[in-house]
Amino acid sequence: MVINILSCQKKEMRMLKRKIFNKEKTAGLNTICVANKSIVVFFDQDKYSDLIKNKSAYKKHLNSCIEKYPELFPDTIAHGWSLNGFTRDSVKQGIRLRRIITNVDKEVWQIRPSFVMPYMTCDTKTAEKILFLQKWAPSWALAHVFEKDVMTID
């Protein structure tokens, strides 16, 4: 299973395209690679809750990020984009994310703030502490101290 995933990732890297589904036959197995539809953007954690509620301020911040860091965004974003609502509140972190849609291909992208780890497992400050202490403490002890699931720490 790991070999199939790695071969899919290598193929996607060669193509340098973002695709929703990529069916590939590997060693007689059908595998499907799903492209990541999430874009990570820097947001100040203290101001995020106010910024996400204000459409014009959010668009202004995102436009400045597009200008500064175009490599983070899909190529089609240069032809225009618009806000496309919110995600549900995260059960783990209690925050909402915004979605955008590109005007050309109508693909929907989720904008995730950089202070939250993927899959909303924890914030980056907590992850930093867990990774530092993981050198000396077992996973079950870290899970107990940080009140996290052991599966999210390993």
N, C-alpha and C. Protein backbone atom coordinates (compact mmCIF):
# COMPACT_ATOMS: atom_id res chain seq x y z
N MET A 1 0.83 -1.20 0.00
CA MET A 1 0.00 0.00 0.00
C MET A 1 0.87 1.25 0.00
N VAL A 2 1.95 1.22 0.81
CA VAL A 2 2.84 2.38 0.88
C VAL A 2 3.53 2.60 -0.47
N ILE A 3 3.90 1.52 -1.13
CA ILE A 3 4.58 1.62 -2.43
C ILE A 3 3.65 2.26 -3.44
N ASN A 4 2.37 1.89 -3.41
CA ASN A 4 1.40 2.47 -4.35
C ASN A 4 1.24 3.96 -4.14
N ILE A 5 1.18 4.39 -2.90
CA ILE A 5 1.03 5.81 -2.59
C ILE A 5 2.27 6.58 -3.04
N LEU A 6 3.45 6.03 -2.77
CA LEU A 6 4.69 6.70 -3.17
C LEU A 6 4.80 6.82 -4.68
N SER A 7 4.41 5.78 -5.40
CA SER A 7 4.49 5.86 -6.86
C SER A 7 3.51 6.89 -7.40
N CYS A 8 2.34 7.02 -6.76
CA CYS A 8 1.38 8.05 -7.18
C CYS A 8 1.95 9.44 -6.93
N GLN A 9 2.60 9.62 -5.79
CA GLN A 9 3.16 10.93 -5.47
C GLN A 9 4.27 11.29 -6.44
N LYS A 10 5.12 10.32 -6.81
CA LYS A 10 6.19 10.59 -7.76
C LYS A 10 5.62 10.97 -9.12
N LYS A 11 4.57 10.29 -9.53
CA LYS A 11 3.96 10.59 -10.83
C LYS A 11 3.38 12.00 -10.83
N GLU A 12 2.72 12.37 -9.73
CA GLU A 12 2.15 13.72 -9.65
C GLU A 12 3.24 14.79 -9.65
N MET A 13 4.36 14.51 -9.01
CA MET A 13 5.46 15.47 -9.00
C MET A 13 6.01 15.69 -10.40
N ARG A 14 6.10 14.60 -11.19
CA ARG A 14 6.60 14.73 -12.55
C ARG A 14 5.65 15.54 -13.42
N MET A 15 4.37 15.36 -13.23
CA MET A 15 3.40 16.04 -14.07
C MET A 15 3.26 17.51 -13.70
N LEU A 16 3.54 17.84 -12.45
CA LEU A 16 3.42 19.19 -11.93
C LEU A 16 2.05 19.79 -12.20
N LYS A 17 1.04 18.97 -12.10
CA LYS A 17 -0.33 19.42 -12.26
C LYS A 17 -1.13 18.94 -11.06
N ARG A 18 -2.13 19.67 -10.74
CA ARG A 18 -3.02 19.26 -9.66
C ARG A 18 -4.25 18.63 -10.29
N LYS A 19 -4.48 17.39 -9.99
CA LYS A 19 -5.64 16.69 -10.52
C LYS A 19 -6.48 16.19 -9.37
N ILE A 20 -7.77 16.11 -9.59
CA ILE A 20 -8.65 15.63 -8.55
C ILE A 20 -8.47 14.12 -8.38
N PHE A 21 -8.57 13.35 -9.46
CA PHE A 21 -8.39 11.92 -9.37
C PHE A 21 -7.39 11.48 -10.43
N ASN A 22 -6.55 10.56 -10.07
CA ASN A 22 -5.55 10.04 -10.98
C ASN A 22 -5.54 8.52 -10.81
N LYS A 23 -6.19 7.81 -11.73
CA LYS A 23 -6.23 6.35 -11.63
C LYS A 23 -4.96 5.79 -12.25
N GLU A 24 -4.35 4.88 -11.53
CA GLU A 24 -3.10 4.29 -11.98
C GLU A 24 -3.13 2.81 -11.65
N LYS A 25 -2.63 2.00 -12.55
CA LYS A 25 -2.56 0.57 -12.31
C LYS A 25 -1.13 0.23 -11.90
N THR A 26 -0.95 -0.26 -10.68
CA THR A 26 0.37 -0.58 -10.16
C THR A 26 0.36 -2.00 -9.63
N ALA A 27 1.17 -2.85 -10.21
CA ALA A 27 1.30 -4.24 -9.76
C ALA A 27 -0.06 -4.93 -9.67
N GLY A 28 -0.92 -4.64 -10.64
CA GLY A 28 -2.23 -5.29 -10.67
C GLY A 28 -3.25 -4.68 -9.74
N LEU A 29 -2.90 -3.62 -9.03
CA LEU A 29 -3.83 -2.98 -8.10
C LEU A 29 -4.30 -1.64 -8.66
N ASN A 30 -5.55 -1.34 -8.49
CA ASN A 30 -6.05 -0.03 -8.88
C ASN A 30 -5.86 0.93 -7.71
N THR A 31 -5.16 2.01 -7.93
CA THR A 31 -4.95 2.99 -6.89
C THR A 31 -5.49 4.33 -7.36
N ILE A 32 -5.96 5.13 -6.45
CA ILE A 32 -6.47 6.46 -6.77
C ILE A 32 -5.73 7.46 -5.91
N CYS A 33 -5.14 8.46 -6.54
CA CYS A 33 -4.47 9.53 -5.82
C CYS A 33 -5.40 10.73 -5.83
N VAL A 34 -5.63 11.30 -4.68
CA VAL A 34 -6.47 12.49 -4.58
C VAL A 34 -5.57 13.67 -4.26
N ALA A 35 -5.63 14.68 -5.11
CA ALA A 35 -4.79 15.85 -4.91
C ALA A 35 -5.27 16.63 -3.69
N ASN A 36 -4.34 17.27 -3.04
CA ASN A 36 -4.67 18.09 -1.88
C ASN A 36 -5.31 19.39 -2.36
N LYS A 37 -6.49 19.67 -1.91
CA LYS A 37 -7.22 20.86 -2.33
C LYS A 37 -7.18 21.92 -1.22
N SER A 38 -6.10 21.93 -0.49
CA SER A 38 -5.95 22.85 0.62
C SER A 38 -4.73 23.74 0.38
N ILE A 39 -4.89 25.03 0.65
CA ILE A 39 -3.81 26.00 0.49
C ILE A 39 -3.51 26.58 1.87
N VAL A 40 -2.25 26.51 2.27
CA VAL A 40 -1.85 27.02 3.59
C VAL A 40 -1.34 28.44 3.44
N VAL A 41 -1.94 29.36 4.20
CA VAL A 41 -1.61 30.78 4.13
C VAL A 41 -1.33 31.29 5.55
N PHE A 42 -0.38 32.22 5.66
CA PHE A 42 -0.08 32.80 6.96
C PHE A 42 -1.21 33.72 7.41
N PHE A 43 -1.67 33.52 8.65
CA PHE A 43 -2.63 34.39 9.32
C PHE A 43 -2.14 34.58 10.75
N ASP A 44 -2.34 35.76 11.29
CA ASP A 44 -2.05 36.01 12.69
C ASP A 44 -3.14 35.32 13.51
N GLN A 45 -2.76 34.46 14.41
CA GLN A 45 -3.72 33.66 15.16
C GLN A 45 -4.69 34.53 15.98
N ASP A 46 -4.20 35.63 16.52
CA ASP A 46 -5.05 36.49 17.33
C ASP A 46 -6.10 37.23 16.50
N LYS A 47 -5.78 37.54 15.26
CA LYS A 47 -6.68 38.32 14.41
C LYS A 47 -7.51 37.46 13.47
N TYR A 48 -7.27 36.15 13.45
CA TYR A 48 -7.93 35.27 12.47
C TYR A 48 -9.44 35.27 12.61
N SER A 49 -9.95 35.18 13.82
CA SER A 49 -11.40 35.09 14.01
C SER A 49 -12.11 36.36 13.52
N ASP A 50 -11.49 37.52 13.67
CA ASP A 50 -12.08 38.75 13.15
C ASP A 50 -11.94 38.84 11.63
N LEU A 51 -10.82 38.40 11.12
CA LEU A 51 -10.55 38.49 9.70
C LEU A 51 -11.45 37.58 8.88
N ILE A 52 -11.76 36.41 9.39
CA ILE A 52 -12.57 35.47 8.64
C ILE A 52 -14.03 35.94 8.52
N LYS A 53 -14.46 36.76 9.44
CA LYS A 53 -15.83 37.29 9.39
C LYS A 53 -15.97 38.46 8.43
N ASN A 54 -14.89 39.18 8.19
CA ASN A 54 -14.90 40.37 7.34
C ASN A 54 -14.45 40.00 5.93
N LYS A 55 -15.41 39.96 4.98
CA LYS A 55 -15.11 39.53 3.62
C LYS A 55 -14.05 40.38 2.94
N SER A 56 -14.21 41.68 3.02
CA SER A 56 -13.29 42.58 2.30
C SER A 56 -11.87 42.49 2.87
N ALA A 57 -11.74 42.42 4.18
CA ALA A 57 -10.42 42.31 4.80
C ALA A 57 -9.78 40.96 4.46
N TYR A 58 -10.59 39.91 4.43
CA TYR A 58 -10.08 38.57 4.10
C TYR A 58 -9.58 38.55 2.65
N LYS A 59 -10.38 39.11 1.74
CA LYS A 59 -9.98 39.14 0.33
C LYS A 59 -8.71 39.97 0.13
N LYS A 60 -8.61 41.08 0.86
CA LYS A 60 -7.42 41.92 0.77
C LYS A 60 -6.18 41.15 1.24
N HIS A 61 -6.31 40.44 2.35
CA HIS A 61 -5.19 39.65 2.88
C HIS A 61 -4.80 38.55 1.89
N LEU A 62 -5.80 37.87 1.34
CA LEU A 62 -5.52 36.78 0.41
C LEU A 62 -4.90 37.29 -0.89
N ASN A 63 -5.36 38.43 -1.37
CA ASN A 63 -4.77 39.03 -2.58
C ASN A 63 -3.31 39.41 -2.35
N SER A 64 -3.00 39.92 -1.17
CA SER A 64 -1.60 40.25 -0.89
C SER A 64 -0.75 38.98 -0.82
N CYS A 65 -1.30 37.89 -0.30
CA CYS A 65 -0.57 36.62 -0.27
C CYS A 65 -0.38 36.06 -1.69
N ILE A 66 -1.37 36.23 -2.54
CA ILE A 66 -1.25 35.77 -3.92
C ILE A 66 -0.15 36.53 -4.64
N GLU A 67 -0.05 37.83 -4.38
CA GLU A 67 1.00 38.63 -5.00
C GLU A 67 2.39 38.25 -4.49
N LYS A 68 2.51 38.04 -3.18
CA LYS A 68 3.80 37.73 -2.58
C LYS A 68 4.26 36.30 -2.85
N TYR A 69 3.32 35.35 -2.78
CA TYR A 69 3.66 33.93 -2.86
C TYR A 69 2.79 33.21 -3.90
N PRO A 70 2.94 33.52 -5.18
CA PRO A 70 2.08 32.90 -6.20
C PRO A 70 2.28 31.38 -6.31
N GLU A 71 3.42 30.87 -5.86
CA GLU A 71 3.69 29.44 -5.97
C GLU A 71 2.80 28.61 -5.04
N LEU A 72 2.20 29.24 -4.04
CA LEU A 72 1.31 28.52 -3.12
C LEU A 72 -0.06 28.25 -3.72
N PHE A 73 -0.42 28.98 -4.74
CA PHE A 73 -1.77 28.95 -5.29
C PHE A 73 -1.77 28.28 -6.66
N PRO A 74 -2.94 27.79 -7.09
CA PRO A 74 -3.02 27.18 -8.42
C PRO A 74 -2.80 28.24 -9.51
N ASP A 75 -2.35 27.81 -10.67
CA ASP A 75 -2.07 28.74 -11.77
C ASP A 75 -3.32 29.49 -12.21
N THR A 76 -4.47 28.85 -12.10
CA THR A 76 -5.71 29.46 -12.58
C THR A 76 -6.20 30.61 -11.70
N ILE A 77 -5.59 30.81 -10.56
CA ILE A 77 -6.03 31.88 -9.66
C ILE A 77 -5.73 33.26 -10.25
N ALA A 78 -4.79 33.32 -11.20
CA ALA A 78 -4.45 34.59 -11.84
C ALA A 78 -5.61 35.11 -12.69
N HIS A 79 -6.50 34.24 -13.10
CA HIS A 79 -7.66 34.63 -13.91
C HIS A 79 -8.87 35.00 -13.06
N GLY A 80 -8.69 35.04 -11.76
CA GLY A 80 -9.77 35.47 -10.86
C GLY A 80 -10.25 34.37 -9.94
N TRP A 81 -10.78 34.79 -8.84
CA TRP A 81 -11.31 33.88 -7.83
C TRP A 81 -12.36 34.61 -7.02
N SER A 82 -13.15 33.87 -6.28
CA SER A 82 -14.13 34.47 -5.38
C SER A 82 -14.30 33.58 -4.16
N LEU A 83 -14.85 34.15 -3.12
CA LEU A 83 -15.09 33.39 -1.89
C LEU A 83 -16.23 32.40 -2.14
N ASN A 84 -16.13 31.24 -1.52
CA ASN A 84 -17.13 30.19 -1.75
C ASN A 84 -17.62 29.60 -0.44
N GLY A 85 -17.81 30.43 0.56
CA GLY A 85 -18.37 29.96 1.82
C GLY A 85 -17.33 29.49 2.82
N PHE A 86 -17.83 28.73 3.80
CA PHE A 86 -17.02 28.26 4.92
C PHE A 86 -17.07 26.75 5.00
N THR A 87 -16.13 26.19 5.73
CA THR A 87 -16.23 24.80 6.14
C THR A 87 -17.01 24.78 7.46
N ARG A 88 -17.36 23.59 7.90
CA ARG A 88 -17.98 23.49 9.23
C ARG A 88 -16.93 23.79 10.29
N ASP A 89 -17.38 24.18 11.46
CA ASP A 89 -16.45 24.41 12.56
C ASP A 89 -15.70 23.11 12.87
N SER A 90 -14.40 23.24 13.06
CA SER A 90 -13.58 22.08 13.39
C SER A 90 -13.92 21.59 14.79
N VAL A 91 -14.13 20.30 14.91
CA VAL A 91 -14.41 19.71 16.22
C VAL A 91 -13.16 19.77 17.09
N LYS A 92 -12.00 19.55 16.48
CA LYS A 92 -10.74 19.49 17.22
C LYS A 92 -10.24 20.87 17.63
N GLN A 93 -10.34 21.86 16.74
CA GLN A 93 -9.76 23.18 17.01
C GLN A 93 -10.81 24.28 17.22
N GLY A 94 -12.03 24.05 16.78
CA GLY A 94 -13.08 25.04 16.97
C GLY A 94 -12.96 26.26 16.06
N ILE A 95 -12.30 26.12 14.91
CA ILE A 95 -12.21 27.24 13.98
C ILE A 95 -12.84 26.86 12.65
N ARG A 96 -13.20 27.88 11.88
CA ARG A 96 -13.75 27.68 10.55
C ARG A 96 -12.71 28.06 9.52
N LEU A 97 -12.80 27.42 8.38
CA LEU A 97 -11.94 27.75 7.27
C LEU A 97 -12.79 28.31 6.14
N ARG A 98 -12.18 29.15 5.33
CA ARG A 98 -12.86 29.69 4.15
C ARG A 98 -12.54 28.83 2.95
N ARG A 99 -13.45 28.85 1.99
CA ARG A 99 -13.22 28.20 0.70
C ARG A 99 -13.23 29.27 -0.37
N ILE A 100 -12.41 29.04 -1.40
CA ILE A 100 -12.44 29.92 -2.56
C ILE A 100 -12.69 29.07 -3.80
N ILE A 101 -13.16 29.70 -4.86
CA ILE A 101 -13.39 29.02 -6.12
C ILE A 101 -12.71 29.82 -7.23
N THR A 102 -11.98 29.13 -8.09
CA THR A 102 -11.33 29.81 -9.20
C THR A 102 -12.34 30.01 -10.32
N ASN A 103 -12.27 31.14 -10.99
CA ASN A 103 -13.26 31.49 -12.00
C ASN A 103 -13.13 30.67 -13.28
N VAL A 104 -11.93 30.29 -13.64
CA VAL A 104 -11.71 29.60 -14.92
C VAL A 104 -12.20 28.16 -14.88
N ASP A 105 -11.69 27.36 -13.94
CA ASP A 105 -12.02 25.94 -13.92
C ASP A 105 -13.02 25.55 -12.84
N LYS A 106 -13.47 26.52 -12.06
CA LYS A 106 -14.49 26.30 -11.01
C LYS A 106 -14.05 25.27 -9.97
N GLU A 107 -12.75 25.20 -9.70
CA GLU A 107 -12.27 24.32 -8.65
C GLU A 107 -12.35 25.03 -7.31
N VAL A 108 -12.76 24.27 -6.29
CA VAL A 108 -12.90 24.82 -4.95
C VAL A 108 -11.67 24.46 -4.14
N TRP A 109 -11.11 25.46 -3.46
CA TRP A 109 -9.90 25.28 -2.64
C TRP A 109 -10.19 25.73 -1.22
N GLN A 110 -9.66 25.01 -0.27
CA GLN A 110 -9.81 25.34 1.14
C GLN A 110 -8.58 26.11 1.59
N ILE A 111 -8.79 27.23 2.26
CA ILE A 111 -7.68 28.05 2.76
C ILE A 111 -7.49 27.74 4.24
N ARG A 112 -6.32 27.18 4.56
CA ARG A 112 -6.02 26.81 5.95
C ARG A 112 -4.97 27.74 6.52
N PRO A 113 -5.20 28.27 7.72
CA PRO A 113 -4.18 29.13 8.33
C PRO A 113 -2.95 28.32 8.74
N SER A 114 -1.81 28.96 8.71
CA SER A 114 -0.54 28.27 8.97
C SER A 114 -0.35 27.91 10.44
N PHE A 115 -1.16 28.43 11.33
CA PHE A 115 -0.99 28.11 12.74
C PHE A 115 -1.71 26.83 13.15
N VAL A 116 -2.33 26.13 12.19
CA VAL A 116 -3.03 24.88 12.47
C VAL A 116 -2.37 23.77 11.66
N MET A 117 -2.18 22.62 12.29
CA MET A 117 -1.58 21.47 11.62
C MET A 117 -2.61 20.84 10.66
N PRO A 118 -2.14 20.07 9.68
CA PRO A 118 -3.08 19.38 8.78
C PRO A 118 -4.07 18.52 9.54
N TYR A 119 -5.25 18.40 8.99
CA TYR A 119 -6.36 17.64 9.59
C TYR A 119 -6.77 18.20 10.94
N MET A 120 -6.37 19.43 11.24
CA MET A 120 -6.77 20.11 12.47
C MET A 120 -6.40 19.32 13.72
N THR A 121 -5.31 18.57 13.68
CA THR A 121 -4.94 17.75 14.83
C THR A 121 -4.57 18.59 16.04
N CYS A 122 -3.86 19.69 15.82
CA CYS A 122 -3.52 20.61 16.90
C CYS A 122 -2.93 21.88 16.28
N ASP A 123 -2.67 22.85 17.13
CA ASP A 123 -2.02 24.06 16.59
C ASP A 123 -0.52 23.83 16.54
N THR A 124 0.18 24.68 15.81
CA THR A 124 1.61 24.47 15.59
C THR A 124 2.44 24.64 16.85
N LYS A 125 1.99 25.47 17.77
CA LYS A 125 2.74 25.64 19.03
C LYS A 125 2.72 24.36 19.85
N THR A 126 1.57 23.71 19.92
CA THR A 126 1.46 22.44 20.64
C THR A 126 2.28 21.36 19.94
N ALA A 127 2.22 21.32 18.62
CA ALA A 127 2.98 20.32 17.86
C ALA A 127 4.47 20.50 18.09
N GLU A 128 4.92 21.73 18.17
CA GLU A 128 6.34 22.00 18.42
C GLU A 128 6.77 21.42 19.77
N LYS A 129 5.94 21.61 20.79
CA LYS A 129 6.25 21.10 22.13
C LYS A 129 6.24 19.58 22.15
N ILE A 130 5.26 18.99 21.46
CA ILE A 130 5.17 17.53 21.43
C ILE A 130 6.39 16.94 20.73
N LEU A 131 6.78 17.52 19.61
CA LEU A 131 7.93 16.99 18.87
C LEU A 131 9.23 17.14 19.66
N PHE A 132 9.34 18.22 20.39
CA PHE A 132 10.54 18.40 21.22
C PHE A 132 10.61 17.34 22.32
N LEU A 133 9.50 17.14 23.02
CA LEU A 133 9.48 16.19 24.14
C LEU A 133 9.47 14.74 23.70
N GLN A 134 9.14 14.49 22.44
CA GLN A 134 9.06 13.12 21.95
C GLN A 134 10.42 12.42 21.95
N LYS A 135 11.50 13.19 22.06
CA LYS A 135 12.83 12.60 22.12
C LYS A 135 13.01 11.78 23.41
N TRP A 136 12.35 12.19 24.49
CA TRP A 136 12.56 11.58 25.79
C TRP A 136 11.35 10.87 26.36
N ALA A 137 10.16 11.26 25.96
CA ALA A 137 8.95 10.69 26.57
C ALA A 137 8.22 9.79 25.57
N PRO A 138 7.58 8.74 26.07
CA PRO A 138 6.80 7.87 25.17
C PRO A 138 5.51 8.57 24.71
N SER A 139 4.96 8.08 23.61
CA SER A 139 3.78 8.70 23.02
C SER A 139 2.58 8.73 23.95
N TRP A 140 2.40 7.65 24.72
CA TRP A 140 1.23 7.61 25.61
C TRP A 140 1.32 8.70 26.68
N ALA A 141 2.54 9.00 27.14
CA ALA A 141 2.71 10.04 28.16
C ALA A 141 2.43 11.43 27.57
N LEU A 142 2.90 11.66 26.35
CA LEU A 142 2.63 12.95 25.69
C LEU A 142 1.14 13.12 25.43
N ALA A 143 0.48 12.04 25.01
CA ALA A 143 -0.97 12.10 24.77
C ALA A 143 -1.71 12.46 26.04
N HIS A 144 -1.27 11.93 27.16
CA HIS A 144 -1.91 12.23 28.44
C HIS A 144 -1.68 13.69 28.85
N VAL A 145 -0.46 14.17 28.73
CA VAL A 145 -0.12 15.53 29.15
C VAL A 145 -0.80 16.57 28.28
N PHE A 146 -0.80 16.36 26.96
CA PHE A 146 -1.36 17.35 26.05
C PHE A 146 -2.82 17.10 25.72
N GLU A 147 -3.41 16.08 26.36
CA GLU A 147 -4.82 15.74 26.18
C GLU A 147 -5.15 15.54 24.70
N LYS A 148 -4.33 14.75 24.04
CA LYS A 148 -4.51 14.40 22.63
C LYS A 148 -4.64 12.90 22.50
N ASP A 149 -5.08 12.45 21.35
CA ASP A 149 -5.15 11.03 21.06
C ASP A 149 -3.74 10.54 20.72
N VAL A 150 -3.40 9.35 21.14
CA VAL A 150 -2.06 8.79 20.86
C VAL A 150 -1.83 8.69 19.36
N MET A 151 -2.86 8.44 18.59
CA MET A 151 -2.71 8.32 17.14
C MET A 151 -2.32 9.63 16.48
N THR A 152 -2.67 10.76 17.06
CA THR A 152 -2.31 12.06 16.47
C THR A 152 -0.89 12.47 16.85
N ILE A 153 -0.31 11.82 17.84
CA ILE A 153 1.04 12.17 18.28
C ILE A 153 2.09 11.38 17.51
N ASP A 154 1.84 10.12 17.20
CA ASP A 154 2.84 9.30 16.49
C ASP A 154 3.06 9.78 15.09
